[in-house]
Protein backbone atom coordinates (compact mmCIF):
# COMPACT_ATOMS: atom_id res chain seq x y z
CA UNK A 1 0.00 0.00 0.00
CA UNK A 2 2.83 2.43 0.84
CA UNK A 3 4.89 1.86 -2.30
CA UNK A 4 2.12 0.76 -4.70
CA UNK A 5 -0.93 2.94 -3.89
CA UNK A 6 -4.40 1.96 -5.08
CA UNK A 7 -3.55 -1.74 -4.95
CA UNK A 8 -6.79 -3.43 -3.84
CA UNK A 9 -6.43 -4.94 -0.38
CA UNK A 10 -8.46 -7.88 0.83
CA UNK A 11 -10.95 -5.63 2.64
CA UNK A 12 -11.71 -3.78 -0.61
CA UNK A 13 -12.43 -6.79 -2.82
CA UNK A 14 -16.05 -7.15 -3.97
CA UNK A 15 -18.07 -9.99 -2.61
CA UNK A 16 -21.58 -10.89 -1.49
CA UNK A 17 -20.86 -9.94 2.12
CA UNK A 18 -19.54 -6.52 1.14
CA UNK A 19 -22.18 -5.40 -1.37
CA UNK A 20 -24.72 -3.65 0.83
CA UNK A 21 -27.48 -1.33 -0.26
CA UNK A 22 -31.09 -0.72 0.54
CA UNK A 23 -32.35 1.41 -2.33
CA UNK A 24 -33.96 0.12 -5.49
CA UNK A 25 -35.11 1.59 -8.79
CA UNK A 26 -38.62 0.67 -7.63
CA UNK A 27 -40.10 2.53 -4.66
CA UNK A 28 -42.67 0.38 -2.91
CA UNK A 29 -43.85 2.14 0.26
CA UNK A 30 -43.86 -1.00 2.35
CA UNK A 31 -40.47 -2.22 1.11
CA UNK A 32 -38.71 1.06 1.85
CA UNK A 33 -40.14 0.96 5.38
CA UNK A 34 -38.22 -2.27 5.98
CA UNK A 35 -34.96 -0.31 5.77
CA UNK A 36 -35.70 1.19 9.18
CA UNK A 37 -34.81 -2.24 10.59
CA UNK A 38 -31.19 -2.04 9.38
CA UNK A 39 -28.33 -0.06 10.92
CA UNK A 40 -25.85 -0.86 8.11
CA UNK A 41 -23.63 2.09 7.24
CA UNK A 42 -24.32 3.50 3.74
CA UNK A 43 -21.88 6.42 3.50
CA UNK A 44 -20.07 9.10 5.46
CA UNK A 45 -19.85 12.75 4.46
CA UNK A 46 -17.32 15.33 5.58
CA UNK A 47 -18.01 18.97 4.68
CA UNK A 48 -15.23 21.38 3.74
CA UNK A 49 -16.95 24.10 5.75
CA UNK A 50 -19.91 23.98 8.09
CA UNK A 51 -22.70 21.66 7.00
CA UNK A 52 -25.72 23.30 5.34
CA UNK A 53 -28.86 23.68 7.40
CA UNK A 54 -31.30 20.81 7.76
CA UNK A 55 -33.07 19.11 6.16
CA UNK A 56 -30.32 17.34 4.23
CA UNK A 57 -31.87 15.44 1.32
CA UNK A 58 -29.29 13.02 -0.12
CA UNK A 59 -30.58 12.34 -3.64
CA UNK A 60 -29.78 8.97 -5.22
CA UNK A 61 -32.55 7.81 -7.59
CA UNK A 62 -35.36 9.60 -9.41
CA UNK A 63 -38.59 7.71 -10.11
CA UNK A 64 -40.92 9.08 -12.75
CA UNK A 65 -43.22 6.18 -13.67
CA UNK A 66 -46.16 4.98 -11.53
CA UNK A 67 -47.49 1.46 -12.18
CA UNK A 68 -50.41 1.62 -9.75
CA UNK A 69 -48.57 0.43 -6.65
CA UNK A 70 -44.93 1.48 -6.95
CA UNK A 71 -42.86 4.23 -8.55
CA UNK A 72 -40.25 3.14 -11.12
CA UNK A 73 -37.44 4.72 -13.11
CA UNK A 74 -38.52 5.01 -16.74
CA UNK A 75 -36.32 4.27 -19.73
CA UNK A 76 -36.49 7.98 -20.54
CA UNK A 77 -34.46 8.84 -17.44
CA UNK A 78 -32.12 5.89 -17.87
CA UNK A 79 -31.28 6.66 -21.48
CA UNK A 80 -31.41 10.45 -21.66
CA UNK A 81 -30.03 11.64 -18.33
CA UNK A 82 -27.02 9.46 -17.57
CA UNK A 83 -24.09 11.30 -19.10
CA UNK A 84 -25.15 14.94 -19.66
CA UNK A 85 -23.84 17.36 -17.05
CA UNK A 86 -26.17 20.20 -16.09
CA UNK A 87 -24.70 23.67 -16.38
CA UNK A 88 -23.77 24.73 -12.89
CA UNK A 89 -20.97 27.24 -13.49
CA UNK A 90 -23.12 30.30 -12.84
CA UNK A 91 -25.23 28.86 -10.05
CA UNK A 92 -24.85 29.29 -6.32
CA UNK A 93 -22.78 26.68 -4.49
CA UNK A 94 -24.78 25.07 -1.71
CA UNK A 95 -22.12 22.77 -0.23
CA UNK A 96 -18.78 21.09 -0.90
CA UNK A 97 -18.05 17.77 0.74
CA UNK A 98 -16.21 14.46 0.56
CA UNK A 99 -18.05 11.14 0.71
CA UNK A 100 -16.87 7.61 1.45
CA UNK A 101 -19.54 5.28 0.12
CA UNK A 102 -19.72 1.74 1.50
CA UNK A 103 -19.57 -1.28 -0.85
CA UNK A 104 -22.70 -1.60 -2.98
CA UNK A 105 -23.40 -3.50 -6.18
CA UNK A 106 -25.77 -0.80 -7.48
CA UNK A 107 -24.41 2.15 -9.51
CA UNK A 108 -25.90 5.12 -7.69
CA UNK A 109 -24.05 7.48 -5.37
CA UNK A 110 -25.29 10.26 -3.11
CA UNK A 111 -25.34 14.05 -3.28
CA UNK A 112 -27.27 17.04 -1.96
CA UNK A 113 -29.66 18.88 -4.27
CA UNK A 114 -28.01 19.14 -7.73
CA UNK A 115 -24.60 17.51 -7.27
CA UNK A 116 -21.57 17.26 -9.53
CA UNK A 117 -18.19 15.61 -9.09
CA UNK A 118 -14.86 15.55 -10.91
CA UNK A 119 -13.56 12.50 -9.01
CA UNK A 120 -12.41 9.42 -10.87
CA UNK A 121 -15.03 6.73 -11.15
CA UNK A 122 -17.98 9.14 -10.82
CA UNK A 123 -20.43 10.05 -13.59
CA UNK A 124 -22.54 13.22 -13.59
CA UNK A 125 -26.16 13.49 -14.67
CA UNK A 126 -28.38 16.21 -16.08
CA UNK A 127 -30.70 15.60 -13.12
CA UNK A 128 -27.94 16.35 -10.61
CA UNK A 129 -27.57 12.76 -9.38
CA UNK A 130 -24.28 10.86 -9.35
CA UNK A 131 -23.42 7.38 -10.61
CA UNK A 132 -20.44 5.04 -10.66
CA UNK A 133 -18.73 4.69 -14.01
CA UNK A 134 -17.89 1.02 -13.34
CA UNK A 135 -19.97 -1.81 -11.92
CA UNK A 136 -17.81 -2.61 -8.92
CA UNK A 137 -19.00 -3.52 -5.44
CA UNK A 138 -16.32 -1.81 -3.40
CA UNK A 139 -15.92 1.35 -1.34
CA UNK A 140 -15.46 4.57 -3.25
CA UNK A 141 -14.34 8.01 -2.10
CA UNK A 142 -15.30 11.10 -4.08
CA UNK A 143 -15.57 14.86 -3.72
CA UNK A 144 -18.84 16.55 -4.70
CA UNK A 145 -20.22 20.06 -5.02
CA UNK A 146 -23.92 20.85 -4.70
CA UNK A 147 -25.61 23.78 -6.40
CA UNK A 148 -28.87 25.66 -6.08
CA UNK A 149 -29.76 25.80 -9.74
CA UNK A 150 -32.43 27.55 -11.73
CA UNK A 151 -33.92 24.93 -14.03
CA UNK A 152 -35.15 25.84 -17.51
CA UNK A 153 -38.84 25.64 -18.34
CA UNK A 154 -40.12 22.14 -19.00
CA UNK A 155 -40.82 21.26 -22.60
CA UNK A 156 -44.34 20.24 -23.56
CA UNK A 157 -43.22 16.59 -23.75
CA UNK A 158 -41.58 16.74 -20.28
CA UNK A 159 -44.66 18.38 -18.77
CA UNK A 160 -46.80 15.59 -20.22
CA UNK A 161 -44.39 12.90 -19.08
CA UNK A 162 -44.26 14.12 -15.47
CA UNK A 163 -48.08 14.32 -15.21
CA UNK A 164 -48.82 10.89 -16.70
CA UNK A 165 -50.84 8.41 -14.60
CA UNK A 166 -51.49 4.79 -15.59
CA UNK A 167 -53.88 3.85 -12.81
CA UNK A 168 -57.35 5.21 -12.08
CA UNK A 169 -58.50 2.74 -9.41
CA UNK A 170 -57.88 5.09 -6.48
CA UNK A 171 -61.20 6.87 -6.93
CA UNK A 172 -61.28 8.53 -3.49
CA UNK A 173 -57.78 9.93 -3.92
CA UNK A 174 -58.70 11.16 -7.39
CA UNK A 175 -61.76 12.93 -5.97
CA UNK A 176 -59.69 14.55 -3.21
CA UNK A 177 -57.09 15.83 -5.69
CA UNK A 178 -59.86 17.21 -7.92
CA UNK A 179 -61.49 18.93 -4.94
CA UNK A 180 -58.27 20.60 -3.80
CA UNK A 181 -57.55 21.68 -7.37
CA UNK A 182 -60.92 23.44 -7.62
CA UNK A 183 -60.29 25.30 -4.38
CA UNK A 184 -57.02 26.93 -5.50
CA UNK A 185 -55.94 29.14 -8.35
CA UNK A 186 -52.25 28.18 -8.78
CA UNK A 187 -49.90 25.24 -8.52
CA UNK A 188 -48.19 26.85 -5.53
CA UNK A 189 -51.52 27.09 -3.70
CA UNK A 190 -52.24 23.43 -4.45
CA UNK A 191 -48.81 22.61 -2.96
CA UNK A 192 -49.78 24.41 0.25
CA UNK A 193 -53.29 22.97 0.33
CA UNK A 194 -52.02 19.38 0.07
CA UNK A 195 -49.47 19.98 2.84
CA UNK A 196 -52.23 21.43 5.03
CA UNK A 197 -54.41 18.39 4.33
CA UNK A 198 -51.82 16.02 5.81
CA UNK A 199 -51.51 18.28 8.86
CA UNK A 200 -55.22 18.88 9.49
CA UNK A 201 -56.30 15.26 9.04
CA UNK A 202 -53.73 14.26 11.67
CA UNK A 203 -51.80 11.69 9.66
CA UNK A 204 -49.09 9.93 11.68
CA UNK A 205 -45.60 8.62 10.94
CA UNK A 206 -44.71 5.00 11.73
CA UNK A 207 -41.74 2.71 11.14
CA UNK A 208 -43.96 -0.39 11.07
CA UNK A 209 -46.80 0.32 8.61
CA UNK A 210 -49.42 -2.30 7.89
CA UNK A 211 -49.13 -3.98 4.47
CA UNK A 212 -51.71 -2.95 1.89
CA UNK A 213 -52.82 -5.00 -1.10
CA UNK A 214 -55.10 -4.49 -4.07
CA UNK A 215 -55.42 -1.84 -6.78
CA UNK A 216 -56.48 0.98 -4.46
CA UNK A 217 -53.62 1.11 -1.96
CA UNK A 218 -53.52 4.91 -2.11
CA UNK A 219 -57.19 5.08 -1.09
CA UNK A 220 -56.50 2.68 1.77
CA UNK A 221 -53.66 4.87 3.01
CA UNK A 222 -55.32 8.26 2.54
CA UNK A 223 -58.77 7.40 3.95
CA UNK A 224 -58.44 4.31 6.17
CA UNK A 225 -55.04 3.84 7.77
CA UNK A 226 -53.58 7.36 7.62
CA UNK A 227 -50.39 5.95 9.18
CA UNK A 228 -47.31 5.31 7.10
CA UNK A 229 -43.62 5.60 6.39
CA UNK A 230 -42.09 8.25 4.11
CA UNK A 231 -42.75 6.13 1.01
CA UNK A 232 -46.50 6.18 1.62
CA UNK A 233 -46.60 9.96 1.81
CA UNK A 234 -44.31 10.43 -1.20
CA UNK A 235 -46.29 7.98 -3.35
CA UNK A 236 -49.67 9.50 -2.46
CA UNK A 237 -48.50 13.11 -2.84
CA UNK A 238 -46.81 12.58 -6.21
CA UNK A 239 -49.95 10.84 -7.46
CA UNK A 240 -52.18 13.71 -6.35
CA UNK A 241 -49.91 16.33 -7.92
CA UNK A 242 -50.08 14.52 -11.24
CA UNK A 243 -53.84 14.11 -10.91
CA UNK A 244 -53.98 17.91 -10.56
CA UNK A 245 -51.88 18.31 -13.71
CA UNK A 246 -48.76 19.43 -11.84
CA UNK A 247 -45.44 17.78 -12.89
CA UNK A 248 -44.11 15.62 -10.06
CA UNK A 249 -41.63 12.81 -9.48
CA UNK A 250 -40.54 10.69 -6.51
CA UNK A 251 -36.94 10.81 -5.30
CA UNK A 252 -35.41 8.17 -3.06
CA UNK A 253 -32.23 8.53 -1.07
CA UNK A 254 -31.44 9.37 2.53
CA UNK A 255 -32.43 12.10 4.93
CA UNK A 256 -30.07 13.70 7.44
CA UNK A 257 -27.49 11.61 9.26
CA UNK A 258 -25.75 11.37 12.61
CA UNK A 259 -23.04 13.98 13.16
CA UNK A 260 -19.80 12.91 14.85
CA UNK A 261 -18.03 16.01 16.19
CA UNK A 262 -14.82 14.05 16.81
CA UNK A 263 -14.25 13.37 13.10
CA UNK A 264 -16.50 16.15 11.79
CA UNK A 265 -18.38 13.58 9.71
CA UNK A 266 -22.01 12.76 9.04
CA UNK A 267 -22.81 9.03 9.13
CA UNK A 268 -25.82 7.94 7.08
CA UNK A 269 -27.25 4.47 7.65
CA UNK A 270 -29.93 2.32 6.07
CA UNK A 271 -32.53 3.40 8.60
CA UNK A 272 -32.08 6.98 7.30
CA UNK A 273 -33.55 5.91 3.92
CA UNK A 274 -36.16 8.35 2.75
CA UNK A 275 -38.49 9.10 -0.15
CA UNK A 276 -39.93 12.49 -1.03
CA UNK A 277 -41.50 14.36 -3.94
CA UNK A 278 -40.06 16.94 -6.30
CA UNK A 279 -42.76 19.19 -7.75
CA UNK A 280 -42.26 21.55 -10.69
CA UNK A 281 -43.63 25.02 -9.97
CA UNK A 282 -43.59 27.77 -12.60
CA UNK A 283 -40.74 30.29 -12.13
CA UNK A 284 -39.41 28.20 -9.20
CA UNK A 285 -38.39 24.95 -10.85
CA UNK A 286 -38.32 21.62 -9.03
CA UNK A 287 -39.22 22.06 -5.34
CA UNK A 288 -39.12 19.50 -2.53
CA UNK A 289 -42.49 18.42 -1.15
CA UNK A 290 -42.21 16.26 1.95
CA UNK A 291 -45.27 15.56 4.09
CA UNK A 292 -42.89 14.46 6.82
CA UNK A 293 -42.41 18.17 7.54
CA UNK A 294 -45.92 18.35 9.06
CA UNK A 295 -46.47 14.71 10.07
CA UNK A 296 -43.13 14.13 11.90
CA UNK A 297 -41.12 17.39 11.80
CA UNK A 298 -38.42 16.00 14.11
CA UNK A 299 -37.47 13.56 11.36
CA UNK A 300 -36.16 16.42 9.21
CA UNK A 301 -33.27 17.17 11.57
CA UNK A 302 -30.42 14.76 12.20
CA UNK A 303 -30.81 11.02 11.99
CA UNK A 304 -33.75 8.71 12.62
CA UNK A 305 -31.74 7.35 15.55
CA UNK A 306 -31.98 10.80 17.19
CA UNK A 307 -35.76 11.12 16.86
CA UNK A 308 -37.25 11.11 20.36
CA UNK A 309 -40.82 10.68 19.12
CA UNK A 310 -39.96 7.43 17.29
CA UNK A 311 -37.24 6.26 19.68
CA UNK A 312 -39.08 3.28 21.20
CA UNK A 313 -40.29 1.99 17.83
CA UNK A 314 -36.85 2.53 16.29
CA UNK A 315 -34.94 0.68 19.04
CA UNK A 316 -37.43 -2.20 18.92
CA UNK A 317 -36.90 -2.62 15.17
CA UNK A 318 -33.10 -2.74 15.42
CA UNK A 319 -32.77 -5.36 18.12
CA UNK A 320 -29.67 -5.75 20.29
CA UNK A 321 -26.52 -3.79 19.46
CA UNK A 322 -24.41 -0.80 20.44
CA UNK A 323 -26.90 1.57 18.86
CA UNK A 324 -29.80 0.05 20.77
CA UNK A 325 -27.84 0.76 23.98
CA UNK A 326 -26.90 4.31 23.00
CA UNK A 327 -28.99 5.70 25.87
CA UNK A 328 -26.12 4.63 28.13
CA UNK A 329 -23.57 7.45 27.90
CA UNK A 330 -20.49 5.21 28.18
CA UNK A 331 -21.69 2.83 25.44
CA UNK A 332 -22.65 5.69 23.14
CA UNK A 333 -19.20 7.28 23.67
CA UNK A 334 -17.55 3.95 22.79
CA UNK A 335 -19.71 3.61 19.67
CA UNK A 336 -18.77 7.07 18.44
CA UNK A 337 -15.07 6.44 19.11
CA UNK A 338 -15.16 3.21 17.11
CA UNK A 339 -16.96 4.93 14.24
CA UNK A 340 -14.37 7.72 14.25
CA UNK A 341 -11.52 5.20 14.16
CA UNK A 342 -13.19 3.32 11.30
CA UNK A 343 -13.66 6.55 9.34
CA UNK A 344 -10.03 7.62 9.80
CA UNK A 345 -8.82 4.22 8.60
CA UNK A 346 -11.18 4.15 5.59
CA UNK A 347 -10.29 7.71 4.65
CA UNK A 348 -6.54 7.04 4.83
CA UNK A 349 -6.66 3.79 2.85
CA UNK A 350 -9.02 4.98 0.12
CA UNK A 351 -7.37 8.38 -0.15
CA UNK A 352 -3.77 7.19 -0.33
CA UNK A 353 -3.08 8.34 -3.87
CA UNK A 354 0.18 9.20 -5.66
CA UNK A 355 0.32 12.68 -4.15
CA UNK A 356 -0.04 11.41 -0.58
CA UNK A 357 2.48 8.69 -1.35
CA UNK A 358 4.96 11.30 -2.57
CA UNK A 359 4.43 13.43 0.55
CA UNK A 360 4.85 10.38 2.78
CA UNK A 361 8.11 9.32 1.12
CA UNK A 362 9.47 12.87 1.28
CA UNK A 363 8.74 12.90 5.00
CA UNK A 364 10.72 9.68 5.41
CA UNK A 365 13.66 10.32 3.09
CA UNK A 366 13.64 14.03 2.26
CA UNK A 367 13.66 15.70 -1.16
CA UNK A 368 17.34 15.03 -1.91
CA UNK A 369 17.52 11.32 -1.09
CA UNK A 370 15.05 9.87 -3.56
CA UNK A 371 17.52 7.09 -4.33
CA UNK A 372 16.78 5.70 -0.85
CA UNK A 373 13.26 4.66 -1.90
CA UNK A 374 14.25 1.82 -4.29
CA UNK A 375 17.04 0.86 -1.88
CA UNK A 376 14.60 0.46 1.01
CA UNK A 377 12.21 -1.51 -1.20
CA UNK A 378 15.07 -3.81 -2.24
CA UNK A 379 16.25 -4.30 1.36
CA UNK A 380 12.72 -5.06 2.58
CA UNK A 381 12.24 -7.53 -0.27
CA UNK A 382 15.54 -9.31 0.44
CA UNK A 383 14.83 -9.50 4.18
CA UNK A 384 11.32 -10.81 3.55
CA UNK A 385 12.52 -13.54 1.18
CA UNK A 386 15.34 -14.48 3.56
CA UNK A 387 12.97 -14.75 6.49
CA UNK A 388 10.63 -16.91 4.43
CA UNK A 389 13.52 -19.18 3.36
CA UNK A 390 14.66 -19.57 6.97
CA UNK A 391 11.12 -20.37 8.01
CA UNK A 392 10.87 -23.12 5.37
CA UNK A 393 14.23 -24.70 6.20
CA UNK A 394 14.21 -24.31 9.97
CA UNK A 395 14.27 -27.63 11.79
CA UNK A 396 10.82 -28.53 12.98
CA UNK A 397 10.39 -30.04 16.43
CA UNK A 398 9.65 -33.75 16.28
CA UNK A 399 6.00 -34.59 16.39
CA UNK A 400 4.79 -36.48 19.43
CA UNK A 401 4.88 -40.20 18.75
CA UNK A 402 1.91 -42.47 19.22
CA UNK A 403 1.88 -44.70 22.35
CA UNK A 404 4.34 -47.65 22.29
CA UNK A 405 6.01 -46.43 19.07
CA UNK A 406 9.00 -44.97 20.89
CA UNK A 407 9.46 -48.17 22.91
CA UNK A 408 9.11 -50.33 19.81
CA UNK A 409 11.76 -48.28 18.01
CA UNK A 410 14.19 -48.85 20.92
CA UNK A 411 13.91 -52.62 20.39
CA UNK A 412 14.35 -52.27 16.60
CA UNK A 413 17.43 -50.10 17.10
CA UNK A 414 18.88 -52.59 19.59
CA UNK A 415 18.24 -55.53 17.22
CA UNK A 416 19.78 -53.67 14.26
CA UNK A 417 22.99 -53.25 16.26
CA UNK A 418 23.03 -57.03 16.47
CA UNK A 419 22.76 -57.18 12.66
CA UNK A 420 19.23 -58.55 12.76
CA UNK A 421 17.50 -57.42 9.55
CA UNK A 422 14.45 -59.24 8.11
CA UNK A 423 14.69 -60.23 4.44
CA UNK A 424 11.28 -58.73 3.65
CA UNK A 425 9.25 -55.80 5.03
CA UNK A 426 7.30 -56.88 8.11
CA UNK A 427 4.61 -55.38 10.34
CA UNK A 428 5.74 -54.36 13.85
CA UNK A 429 4.28 -57.52 15.39
CA UNK A 430 5.83 -59.73 12.71
CA UNK A 431 9.17 -58.03 13.27
CA UNK A 432 8.97 -58.65 17.05
CA UNK A 433 8.28 -62.34 16.34
CA UNK A 434 11.25 -62.39 13.96
CA UNK A 435 13.50 -61.03 16.71
CA UNK A 436 12.11 -63.66 19.14
CA UNK A 437 13.08 -66.49 16.78
CA UNK A 438 16.57 -65.08 16.28
CA UNK A 439 17.15 -64.44 20.01
CA UNK A 440 15.75 -67.50 21.87
CA UNK A 441 16.96 -66.35 25.30
CA UNK A 442 14.69 -63.22 24.99
CA UNK A 443 11.81 -64.96 23.25
CA UNK A 444 9.42 -64.85 26.22
CA UNK A 445 9.99 -61.15 26.91
CA UNK A 446 9.64 -60.25 23.19
CA UNK A 447 6.31 -62.11 22.99
CA UNK A 448 5.12 -60.27 26.11
CA UNK A 449 6.17 -56.96 24.54
CA UNK A 450 4.30 -57.97 21.37
CA UNK A 451 1.12 -58.63 23.38
CA UNK A 452 1.47 -55.26 25.12
CA UNK A 453 2.03 -53.55 21.77
CA UNK A 454 -1.16 -55.14 20.37
CA UNK A 455 -3.20 -54.04 23.40
CA UNK A 456 -2.15 -50.40 23.16
CA UNK A 457 -1.88 -49.91 19.40
CA UNK A 458 -4.72 -52.08 18.07
CA UNK A 459 -7.08 -52.78 20.99
CA UNK A 460 -7.10 -49.13 22.17
CA UNK A 461 -6.06 -50.01 25.69
CA UNK A 462 -4.86 -46.91 27.59
CA UNK A 463 -1.11 -46.46 27.75
CA UNK A 464 -1.25 -45.77 31.44
CA UNK A 465 1.44 -45.66 34.06
CA UNK A 466 1.41 -49.42 34.66
CA UNK A 467 1.75 -50.30 30.97
CA UNK A 468 4.52 -47.73 30.52
CA UNK A 469 6.39 -49.30 33.44
CA UNK A 470 5.81 -52.80 32.06
CA UNK A 471 7.15 -51.81 28.61
CA UNK A 472 10.21 -50.20 30.18
CA UNK A 473 10.94 -53.32 32.28
CA UNK A 474 10.54 -55.66 29.29
CA UNK A 475 13.00 -53.62 27.23
CA UNK A 476 15.55 -53.82 30.03
CA UNK A 477 15.07 -57.59 30.35
CA UNK A 478 15.35 -58.14 26.57
CA UNK A 479 18.61 -56.22 26.37
CA UNK A 480 20.08 -57.77 29.53
CA UNK A 481 19.35 -61.38 28.53
CA UNK A 482 21.15 -61.04 25.24
CA UNK A 483 24.01 -59.27 26.98
CA UNK A 484 24.40 -62.10 29.51
CA UNK A 485 24.28 -64.61 26.69
CA UNK A 486 27.09 -62.83 24.94
């Protein structure tokens, strides 16, 4: 890593355990609610200056096609808005920041408002969303700039596209949208009237919405349950805007994040997943519409983990873990310290480019001693190979012998000194019988040793203290009898 930067280490390699993401090109209200059960880290952001004011809408995917139950990304957006960069040179900069995105198999990245990036591996879009240029499931670090842009007027085709509806089964929702439309005289007033409707009717925000089925799920949500996650509100609102003839689209991404003052970073996790609506208003361009602002205003600031109103429901969904015990000051401090350490490591590894390598080597060797770099590499290589060679050739300690093998080898060694070698390979027992025939005076003791050998080696008798003593005594007797005979 030090001498060959950008070499992929084992922790950067793609794999099924590393590719984590929660967003999809299809926004189903119930499916996106499931993300509140996961505390997997999605990305970290570090701002060059102070972070912009909340709410922080991290845009990732734009959905412009409604199939009756879910919002999809049409082929129009996929084919016509993937490589064109919007003109942001003369627009006001909203924020500049660096992001470390966790491994994910999907191509989308994250940015505030209309984002652009000049980092390697990042592709800009005319819609102000960012994408990876390569399909790789590994961490990526990039620098982005967000702008407050003034969009051009929609073309007639775009206006028609963003007001298209393919489902008319939600009759009650259709009637409500028509009623609100008749009561106002402008698109901006309809925007306000719809927001007031969610506030007056006392809709509530929940992390565990009830599943809805059928072709009229919007009617069920708007007039029966009136409890839902962000996806329910975004889906219903975008539908009603289009019913009123106002261009609208659903955006999915993440909202807010947990700020760590130690590392000056914002950590965004799966439970911060969010969906909202972008509405096109004349002379104002695309504007954020988020019913969460009146249903659960606390959700717009910080992270879902910091929402007191939803704290009990949130902790219950996550289960046991450091985050679930964050009410304990000591555990929460430990959690933040570990996250800071992880961020510093990730930032250093992913950001160790040629420039940082050059600065690091200059710190070690100075500007004038560049010849020391290849010398150090050569020395380290030689020492490493030498150490490996020594390791391979170093004498290994003898493995522990099986019971009775050591004693048997003592007899074989003693017999070999007497020039007793069988003509053919024999089993241990056969060899002991061969020695007994050749040395009659020790025949009885050799047969006893053979019986003991069979008991321990083949009958699985324990080689206990008594049998060890017996084997030792037999060896002494065998050797002494032959010695007396000589």
